[in-house]
Amino acid sequence: MLTLASLTKTAKRYALDSSISDETFLNALLEPLVTAGRVKARGGKEFSLDKSRTSLVVNGKCDVPNSLRKALARYGLEDAMTCEFESFVEDRIDLSLFEPFANEVIGLASGSGEASLRMATALEDPERFMAIALLEAVKNENRESAVQPVWGSGTGSLCIEVGDLLAHGFGKPRKMKQIVVVPVDTTFATEITWGYESSPAPMVSPKTLHGQWLVRMGMAGVEPDELADRIESSLRRRSVEPVKKGCTEYPVGTVAIVPNARAVFYLTAIARLDENNNARATREEIRSALNALLETYDKEGQGLDIFIPLIGTGESRAGLTHQESLDLIVSEVTANRSLVHGRVTIVVYRGDANKLEIATKEG
């Protein structure tokens, strides 16, 4: 998730002056928005974050100040901020490292397909890139949410977390890997259709979790053909056969296992593609796929923590509300708790949290 805290921490690692204080750096980062958005503190005073408030923001202990968020409604704000960012980019950021910095920021924004795509198109314009990134960061909830436990039994447990699923799958390598579930179609497509809505027979939209995962794998240097080979190798190793001889479609519930340095991805076939390449799944197919996923986790998960997103709320056309999806996953994991030998975490995208009846605590 791209928050003001994560953007600040990431940008500061690429700062020209590594000894700069958080307070100075964050205020400099916010200055283009403060100026272009005509942001004022209470009583019309000049806006600035002191050391204490800076610490709370950077550590995810408080939300973005209301005055900054209110400024987002101003017309032409992005263009005005782009002009204001010239001095920040020149004085604060090591432009020789702008590309890896930008890729990290795009990765943080992967939960919001539109924002990450717009940033990707602005790589040659650092000022525009920073304006888009800051606007996205300020828009999002900055406070970290605690994990809400559902149940614990022996070595297994179930909990709910509001956050970014793919943050568990990309980044610095971990000593103990985590399993990240990515819902895919039954062909395990590895090609994104850019300009998805205008394509007569689109495959994977970059707005879906499947598409966002493909984008992140591509940023990590894994080309679509290599990825397809790794998926096929995983399925062959586990003796999984296509639904018909010679075809590339597999049964609903099929799981392909693709690791990287940080995580093990369980690509789980949830939806079938119709003649127009529209993904379709029923509630029962999703239930069946969850059961198959848990069986795979039991056999091959080695007790690692596993992170599962809400399933069936979007492009699969299953028609589940976010609450119905959450309830279905909780029900299936609970009914199959004998297959759970680690911590199962249902990850709810922060922008969908207000659609659910969950009492996540603020960190």
Protein backbone atom coordinates (compact mmCIF):
# COMPACT_ATOMS: atom_id res chain seq x y z
CA MET A 1 0.00 0.00 0.00
CA LEU A 2 1.33 3.42 -0.95
CA THR A 3 0.80 5.57 2.12
CA LEU A 4 2.38 8.83 3.17
CA ALA A 5 4.51 6.82 5.61
CA SER A 6 5.73 4.31 3.00
CA LEU A 7 6.34 7.01 0.37
CA THR A 8 8.36 9.09 2.84
CA LYS A 9 10.49 6.15 4.00
CA THR A 10 11.12 4.97 0.43
CA ALA A 11 11.96 8.44 -0.92
CA LYS A 12 14.29 9.17 1.98
CA ARG A 13 16.36 6.06 1.19
CA TYR A 14 17.10 7.64 -2.20
CA ALA A 15 17.76 11.14 -0.82
CA LEU A 16 20.89 13.05 -1.80
CA ASP A 17 21.47 13.79 1.89
CA SER A 18 21.04 10.57 3.87
CA SER A 19 21.45 12.43 7.18
CA ILE A 20 18.42 14.66 6.65
CA SER A 21 15.87 14.49 9.46
CA ASP A 22 12.44 12.93 8.93
CA GLU A 23 10.85 16.26 9.88
CA THR A 24 12.76 18.26 7.26
CA PHE A 25 12.34 15.64 4.56
CA LEU A 26 8.60 15.06 5.07
CA ASN A 27 7.84 18.79 5.07
CA ALA A 28 9.85 19.20 1.88
CA LEU A 29 7.96 16.30 0.31
CA LEU A 30 4.62 17.85 1.27
CA GLU A 31 5.52 21.40 0.20
CA PRO A 32 4.33 21.00 -3.44
CA LEU A 33 0.90 19.90 -2.19
CA VAL A 34 0.83 22.56 0.52
CA THR A 35 1.68 25.29 -2.01
CA ALA A 36 -0.45 24.10 -4.94
CA GLY A 37 -3.37 23.15 -2.67
CA ARG A 38 -3.12 26.35 -0.60
CA VAL A 39 -3.03 24.28 2.57
CA LYS A 40 -3.08 26.17 5.85
CA ALA A 41 -2.86 25.06 9.47
CA ARG A 42 -5.49 26.03 12.02
CA GLY A 43 -6.06 29.74 12.30
CA GLY A 44 -4.67 30.31 8.83
CA LYS A 45 -1.11 29.71 9.97
CA GLU A 46 1.59 28.30 7.71
CA PHE A 47 1.28 24.51 7.44
CA SER A 48 4.15 22.43 8.83
CA LEU A 49 4.53 19.17 10.73
CA ASP A 50 6.59 19.31 13.91
CA LYS A 51 8.93 16.55 15.09
CA SER A 52 6.26 14.77 17.14
CA ARG A 53 3.61 14.77 14.39
CA THR A 54 6.22 13.75 11.82
CA SER A 55 7.15 10.73 13.92
CA LEU A 56 3.50 9.64 14.19
CA VAL A 57 2.95 9.99 10.43
CA VAL A 58 6.17 8.27 9.34
CA ASN A 59 5.57 5.36 11.72
CA GLY A 60 1.96 4.88 10.64
CA LYS A 61 0.57 5.86 14.05
CA CYS A 62 -1.75 8.60 12.79
CA ASP A 63 -3.61 9.44 9.62
CA VAL A 64 -2.84 12.16 7.09
CA PRO A 65 -3.79 15.66 8.38
CA ASN A 66 -7.31 16.58 7.23
CA SER A 67 -6.13 19.85 5.69
CA LEU A 68 -3.94 17.92 3.23
CA ARG A 69 -6.70 15.53 2.24
CA LYS A 70 -9.22 18.35 1.74
CA ALA A 71 -6.86 19.94 -0.78
CA LEU A 72 -7.21 16.91 -3.07
CA ALA A 73 -10.50 18.30 -4.38
CA ARG A 74 -8.80 21.32 -5.97
CA TYR A 75 -9.06 21.51 -9.75
CA GLY A 76 -5.77 21.12 -11.64
CA LEU A 77 -3.91 20.09 -8.52
CA GLU A 78 -1.71 17.47 -10.19
CA ASP A 79 -0.46 19.90 -12.85
CA ALA A 80 0.24 22.59 -10.26
CA MET A 81 2.08 20.13 -8.02
CA THR A 82 4.18 18.91 -10.95
CA CYS A 83 5.57 22.41 -11.36
CA GLU A 84 6.17 22.75 -7.62
CA PHE A 85 8.06 19.45 -7.44
CA GLU A 86 10.94 20.72 -9.58
CA SER A 87 13.03 21.95 -6.65
CA PHE A 88 12.31 18.89 -4.50
CA VAL A 89 13.40 16.46 -7.22
CA GLU A 90 16.52 18.51 -7.96
CA ASP A 91 17.54 19.21 -4.34
CA ARG A 92 16.39 16.11 -2.47
CA ILE A 93 16.39 13.02 -4.73
CA ASP A 94 19.39 11.22 -6.22
CA LEU A 95 18.23 11.18 -9.83
CA SER A 96 20.87 8.61 -10.79
CA LEU A 97 18.78 6.15 -8.73
CA PHE A 98 15.39 7.42 -9.82
CA GLU A 99 14.45 4.27 -11.76
CA PRO A 100 14.82 1.81 -8.83
CA PHE A 101 13.13 4.35 -6.55
CA ALA A 102 10.22 4.71 -8.97
CA ASN A 103 9.85 0.94 -9.32
CA GLU A 104 9.63 0.56 -5.53
CA VAL A 105 6.94 3.23 -5.34
CA ILE A 106 4.96 1.66 -8.20
CA GLY A 107 5.18 -1.64 -6.36
CA LEU A 108 3.76 -0.05 -3.21
CA ALA A 109 0.87 1.32 -5.28
CA SER A 110 0.10 -2.04 -6.88
CA GLY A 111 -3.15 -2.34 -4.91
CA SER A 112 -4.47 0.62 -6.89
CA GLY A 113 -4.12 -0.33 -10.55
CA GLU A 114 -4.88 3.12 -11.95
CA ALA A 115 -2.35 4.97 -9.80
CA SER A 116 0.47 2.50 -10.47
CA LEU A 117 -0.23 2.56 -14.22
CA ARG A 118 -0.22 6.36 -14.31
CA MET A 119 3.08 6.45 -12.45
CA ALA A 120 4.53 3.90 -14.86
CA THR A 121 3.71 6.24 -17.76
CA ALA A 122 5.47 9.14 -16.00
CA LEU A 123 8.89 7.54 -15.49
CA GLU A 124 10.49 10.05 -17.87
CA ASP A 125 8.96 12.95 -15.93
CA PRO A 126 10.13 12.72 -12.28
CA GLU A 127 8.17 15.80 -11.22
CA ARG A 128 4.91 14.40 -12.63
CA PHE A 129 5.72 11.01 -11.10
CA MET A 130 6.18 12.55 -7.65
CA ALA A 131 2.93 14.50 -7.94
CA ILE A 132 0.94 11.37 -8.81
CA ALA A 133 2.64 9.37 -6.07
CA LEU A 134 2.04 11.98 -3.36
CA LEU A 135 -1.61 12.43 -4.34
CA GLU A 136 -2.15 8.66 -4.11
CA ALA A 137 -0.32 8.45 -0.78
CA VAL A 138 -2.29 11.28 0.80
CA LYS A 139 -5.57 9.77 -0.42
CA ASN A 140 -4.93 6.48 1.41
CA GLU A 141 -5.36 5.71 5.12
CA ASN A 142 -1.94 6.12 6.72
CA ARG A 143 -2.49 4.28 10.00
CA GLU A 144 -1.36 0.69 10.16
CA SER A 145 -4.10 -1.73 11.15
CA ALA A 146 -3.56 -4.48 13.67
CA VAL A 147 -4.40 -8.07 12.81
CA GLN A 148 -7.78 -9.24 14.10
CA PRO A 149 -7.75 -12.85 15.29
CA VAL A 150 -10.71 -15.10 14.39
CA TRP A 151 -9.63 -18.38 16.00
CA GLY A 152 -6.59 -20.37 17.02
CA SER A 153 -6.34 -24.13 17.36
CA GLY A 154 -3.12 -26.05 17.97
CA THR A 155 -0.59 -25.01 15.33
CA GLY A 156 -3.23 -23.36 13.15
CA SER A 157 -4.97 -19.99 13.36
CA LEU A 158 -7.11 -17.65 11.30
CA CYS A 159 -7.05 -13.86 11.33
CA ILE A 160 -8.08 -10.85 9.25
CA GLU A 161 -5.78 -8.01 8.20
CA VAL A 162 -6.46 -4.75 6.40
CA GLY A 163 -3.53 -4.06 4.12
CA ASP A 164 -1.73 -4.85 0.88
CA LEU A 165 -1.60 -8.54 -0.09
CA LEU A 166 1.32 -8.19 -2.50
CA ALA A 167 3.44 -6.44 0.13
CA HIS A 168 3.81 -9.92 1.65
CA GLY A 169 5.16 -11.26 -1.63
CA PHE A 170 7.67 -8.67 -2.81
CA GLY A 171 10.51 -6.78 -1.17
CA LYS A 172 13.51 -7.84 0.85
CA PRO A 173 14.02 -11.64 1.14
CA ARG A 174 12.77 -13.22 4.35
CA LYS A 175 14.48 -15.93 6.38
CA MET A 176 11.10 -17.67 6.61
CA LYS A 177 9.04 -17.32 3.43
CA GLN A 178 5.32 -16.65 3.38
CA ILE A 179 2.67 -18.08 1.07
CA VAL A 180 0.66 -15.54 -0.93
CA VAL A 181 -2.48 -16.65 -2.77
CA VAL A 182 -3.18 -15.03 -6.14
CA PRO A 183 -6.54 -15.86 -7.81
CA VAL A 184 -6.10 -16.52 -11.55
CA ASP A 185 -8.11 -17.91 -14.45
CA THR A 186 -8.03 -21.60 -15.36
CA THR A 187 -5.53 -21.01 -18.22
CA PHE A 188 -2.97 -19.38 -15.90
CA ALA A 189 -2.54 -16.54 -18.41
CA THR A 190 0.74 -14.61 -18.14
CA GLU A 191 0.04 -11.78 -20.60
CA ILE A 192 -1.63 -8.53 -19.54
CA THR A 193 -3.99 -6.83 -21.96
CA TRP A 194 -3.17 -3.12 -21.78
CA GLY A 195 -6.06 -0.94 -22.86
CA TYR A 196 -8.23 -3.73 -21.47
CA GLU A 197 -11.63 -2.13 -22.00
CA SER A 198 -11.01 -1.43 -25.71
CA SER A 199 -9.77 -4.94 -26.56
CA PRO A 200 -12.28 -7.21 -28.34
CA ALA A 201 -11.10 -10.27 -26.37
CA PRO A 202 -8.99 -9.11 -23.40
CA MET A 203 -7.06 -11.53 -21.22
CA VAL A 204 -5.75 -10.22 -17.90
CA SER A 205 -6.64 -6.70 -16.79
CA PRO A 206 -3.88 -4.77 -14.97
CA LYS A 207 -6.58 -3.69 -12.51
CA THR A 208 -7.07 -7.22 -11.18
CA LEU A 209 -4.92 -8.82 -8.51
CA HIS A 210 -3.79 -11.33 -11.16
CA GLY A 211 -2.69 -8.44 -13.36
CA GLN A 212 -1.00 -6.55 -10.53
CA TRP A 213 0.96 -9.69 -9.68
CA LEU A 214 2.07 -10.04 -13.31
CA VAL A 215 3.21 -6.41 -13.28
CA ARG A 216 5.26 -6.98 -10.14
CA MET A 217 6.82 -10.16 -11.55
CA GLY A 218 7.73 -8.25 -14.70
CA MET A 219 9.33 -5.50 -12.63
CA ALA A 220 11.36 -8.21 -10.92
CA GLY A 221 12.69 -9.31 -14.32
CA VAL A 222 10.48 -12.36 -14.90
CA GLU A 223 9.25 -12.29 -18.51
CA PRO A 224 5.81 -13.78 -19.43
CA ASP A 225 7.34 -16.75 -21.30
CA GLU A 226 9.60 -17.62 -18.37
CA LEU A 227 6.67 -17.30 -16.00
CA ALA A 228 4.54 -19.59 -18.18
CA ASP A 229 7.34 -22.17 -18.14
CA ARG A 230 7.59 -22.00 -14.35
CA ILE A 231 3.83 -22.46 -13.98
CA GLU A 232 3.80 -25.40 -16.40
CA SER A 233 6.74 -26.97 -14.58
CA SER A 234 4.92 -26.68 -11.25
CA LEU A 235 1.78 -28.29 -12.63
CA ARG A 236 3.76 -31.06 -14.32
CA ARG A 237 5.71 -31.77 -11.13
CA ARG A 238 2.45 -32.20 -9.27
CA SER A 239 0.95 -34.36 -12.07
CA VAL A 240 -1.89 -31.93 -12.78
CA GLU A 241 -3.56 -32.63 -16.13
CA PRO A 242 -5.48 -30.14 -18.34
CA VAL A 243 -9.25 -30.53 -18.64
CA LYS A 244 -8.70 -31.85 -22.19
CA LYS A 245 -5.68 -33.43 -23.75
CA GLY A 246 -3.61 -30.88 -25.64
CA CYS A 247 -5.32 -27.81 -24.18
CA THR A 248 -3.96 -25.26 -21.73
CA GLU A 249 -6.99 -25.04 -19.42
CA TYR A 250 -6.96 -26.68 -16.01
CA PRO A 251 -9.73 -27.55 -13.53
CA VAL A 252 -11.07 -24.94 -11.13
CA GLY A 253 -9.10 -25.24 -7.89
CA THR A 254 -5.80 -26.10 -9.58
CA VAL A 255 -2.86 -24.53 -7.75
CA ALA A 256 0.45 -23.66 -9.43
CA ILE A 257 3.31 -22.91 -7.05
CA VAL A 258 5.77 -20.17 -8.07
CA PRO A 259 8.35 -18.96 -5.52
CA ASN A 260 10.52 -15.88 -5.42
CA ALA A 261 13.13 -14.73 -2.88
CA ARG A 262 10.51 -13.51 -0.38
CA ALA A 263 7.42 -15.67 -0.84
CA VAL A 264 5.79 -18.71 -2.37
CA PHE A 265 2.90 -17.77 -4.62
CA TYR A 266 -0.05 -20.13 -4.80
CA LEU A 267 -1.69 -19.27 -8.11
CA THR A 268 -5.21 -20.61 -7.61
CA ALA A 269 -7.51 -21.16 -10.60
CA ILE A 270 -10.82 -19.58 -9.62
CA ALA A 271 -12.55 -18.58 -12.84
CA ARG A 272 -13.05 -20.02 -16.30
CA LEU A 273 -12.78 -17.85 -19.43
CA ASP A 274 -15.76 -17.73 -21.78
CA GLU A 275 -15.60 -17.27 -25.56
CA ASN A 276 -14.93 -13.55 -25.08
CA ASN A 277 -12.22 -14.21 -22.47
CA ASN A 278 -14.49 -12.94 -19.70
CA ALA A 279 -13.73 -14.67 -16.40
CA ARG A 280 -16.68 -16.44 -14.79
CA ALA A 281 -17.06 -18.35 -11.54
CA THR A 282 -19.91 -19.48 -9.32
CA ARG A 283 -20.07 -19.43 -5.54
CA GLU A 284 -19.75 -23.23 -5.48
CA GLU A 285 -16.69 -23.12 -7.75
CA ILE A 286 -15.06 -20.63 -5.41
CA ARG A 287 -15.91 -22.86 -2.45
CA SER A 288 -14.42 -25.84 -4.28
CA ALA A 289 -11.30 -23.85 -5.17
CA LEU A 290 -10.82 -22.81 -1.54
CA ASN A 291 -11.04 -26.46 -0.45
CA ALA A 292 -8.45 -27.45 -3.06
CA LEU A 293 -6.23 -24.58 -1.95
CA LEU A 294 -6.36 -25.71 1.68
CA GLU A 295 -5.57 -29.29 0.67
CA THR A 296 -2.50 -28.04 -1.21
CA TYR A 297 -1.50 -25.96 1.80
CA ASP A 298 -1.85 -29.02 4.04
CA LYS A 299 0.35 -31.15 1.76
CA GLU A 300 2.98 -28.62 0.69
CA GLY A 301 2.67 -25.55 2.94
CA GLN A 302 5.15 -26.75 5.59
CA GLY A 303 3.35 -24.68 8.21
CA LEU A 304 4.26 -21.35 6.59
CA ASP A 305 1.98 -18.36 7.10
CA ILE A 306 -0.47 -18.02 4.21
CA PHE A 307 -2.19 -14.83 3.02
CA ILE A 308 -5.49 -15.03 1.11
CA PRO A 309 -7.30 -12.09 -0.56
CA LEU A 310 -11.04 -11.69 -0.85
CA ILE A 311 -12.19 -13.78 -3.82
CA GLY A 312 -15.18 -13.48 -6.16
CA THR A 313 -15.90 -9.77 -5.69
CA GLY A 314 -14.68 -8.43 -9.03
CA GLU A 315 -13.67 -9.66 -12.48
CA SER A 316 -14.61 -13.31 -11.78
CA ARG A 317 -18.27 -12.23 -12.03
CA ALA A 318 -19.21 -14.48 -9.13
CA GLY A 319 -21.28 -11.62 -7.82
CA LEU A 320 -20.16 -11.89 -4.20
CA THR A 321 -20.23 -8.81 -2.01
CA HIS A 322 -17.06 -8.16 -0.03
CA GLN A 323 -18.82 -9.32 3.13
CA GLU A 324 -20.05 -12.51 1.44
CA SER A 325 -16.53 -13.26 0.21
CA LEU A 326 -15.06 -12.73 3.66
CA ASP A 327 -17.75 -14.89 5.28
CA LEU A 328 -17.22 -17.65 2.71
CA ILE A 329 -13.46 -17.78 3.25
CA VAL A 330 -13.83 -17.73 7.05
CA SER A 331 -16.42 -20.52 6.81
CA GLU A 332 -14.29 -22.75 4.55
CA VAL A 333 -11.07 -22.28 6.49
CA THR A 334 -12.90 -22.97 9.75
CA ALA A 335 -14.62 -26.07 8.34
CA ASN A 336 -11.21 -27.36 7.18
CA ARG A 337 -9.15 -26.34 10.20
CA SER A 338 -7.63 -29.83 10.32
CA LEU A 339 -5.74 -28.83 7.14
CA VAL A 340 -4.37 -25.64 8.70
CA HIS A 341 -0.93 -25.96 10.31
CA GLY A 342 0.14 -22.32 10.25
CA ARG A 343 -1.39 -18.86 10.37
CA VAL A 344 -4.00 -18.12 7.71
CA THR A 345 -4.54 -14.40 7.17
CA ILE A 346 -7.39 -13.03 5.06
CA VAL A 347 -6.09 -9.76 3.62
CA VAL A 348 -8.66 -7.06 2.94
CA TYR A 349 -7.62 -4.21 0.67
CA ARG A 350 -7.71 -1.01 2.73
CA GLY A 351 -10.09 0.67 0.30
CA ASP A 352 -12.63 -2.12 0.84
CA ALA A 353 -12.47 -2.24 4.64
CA ASN A 354 -15.47 0.07 5.06
CA LYS A 355 -17.61 -2.47 3.17
CA LEU A 356 -17.10 -5.10 5.85
CA GLU A 357 -18.26 -5.79 9.37
CA ILE A 358 -14.84 -6.21 10.92
CA ALA A 359 -13.43 -4.46 13.93
CA THR A 360 -9.79 -3.98 12.98
CA LYS A 361 -7.84 -2.03 15.58
CA GLU A 362 -5.65 0.87 14.61
CA GLY A 363 -1.93 0.44 15.29
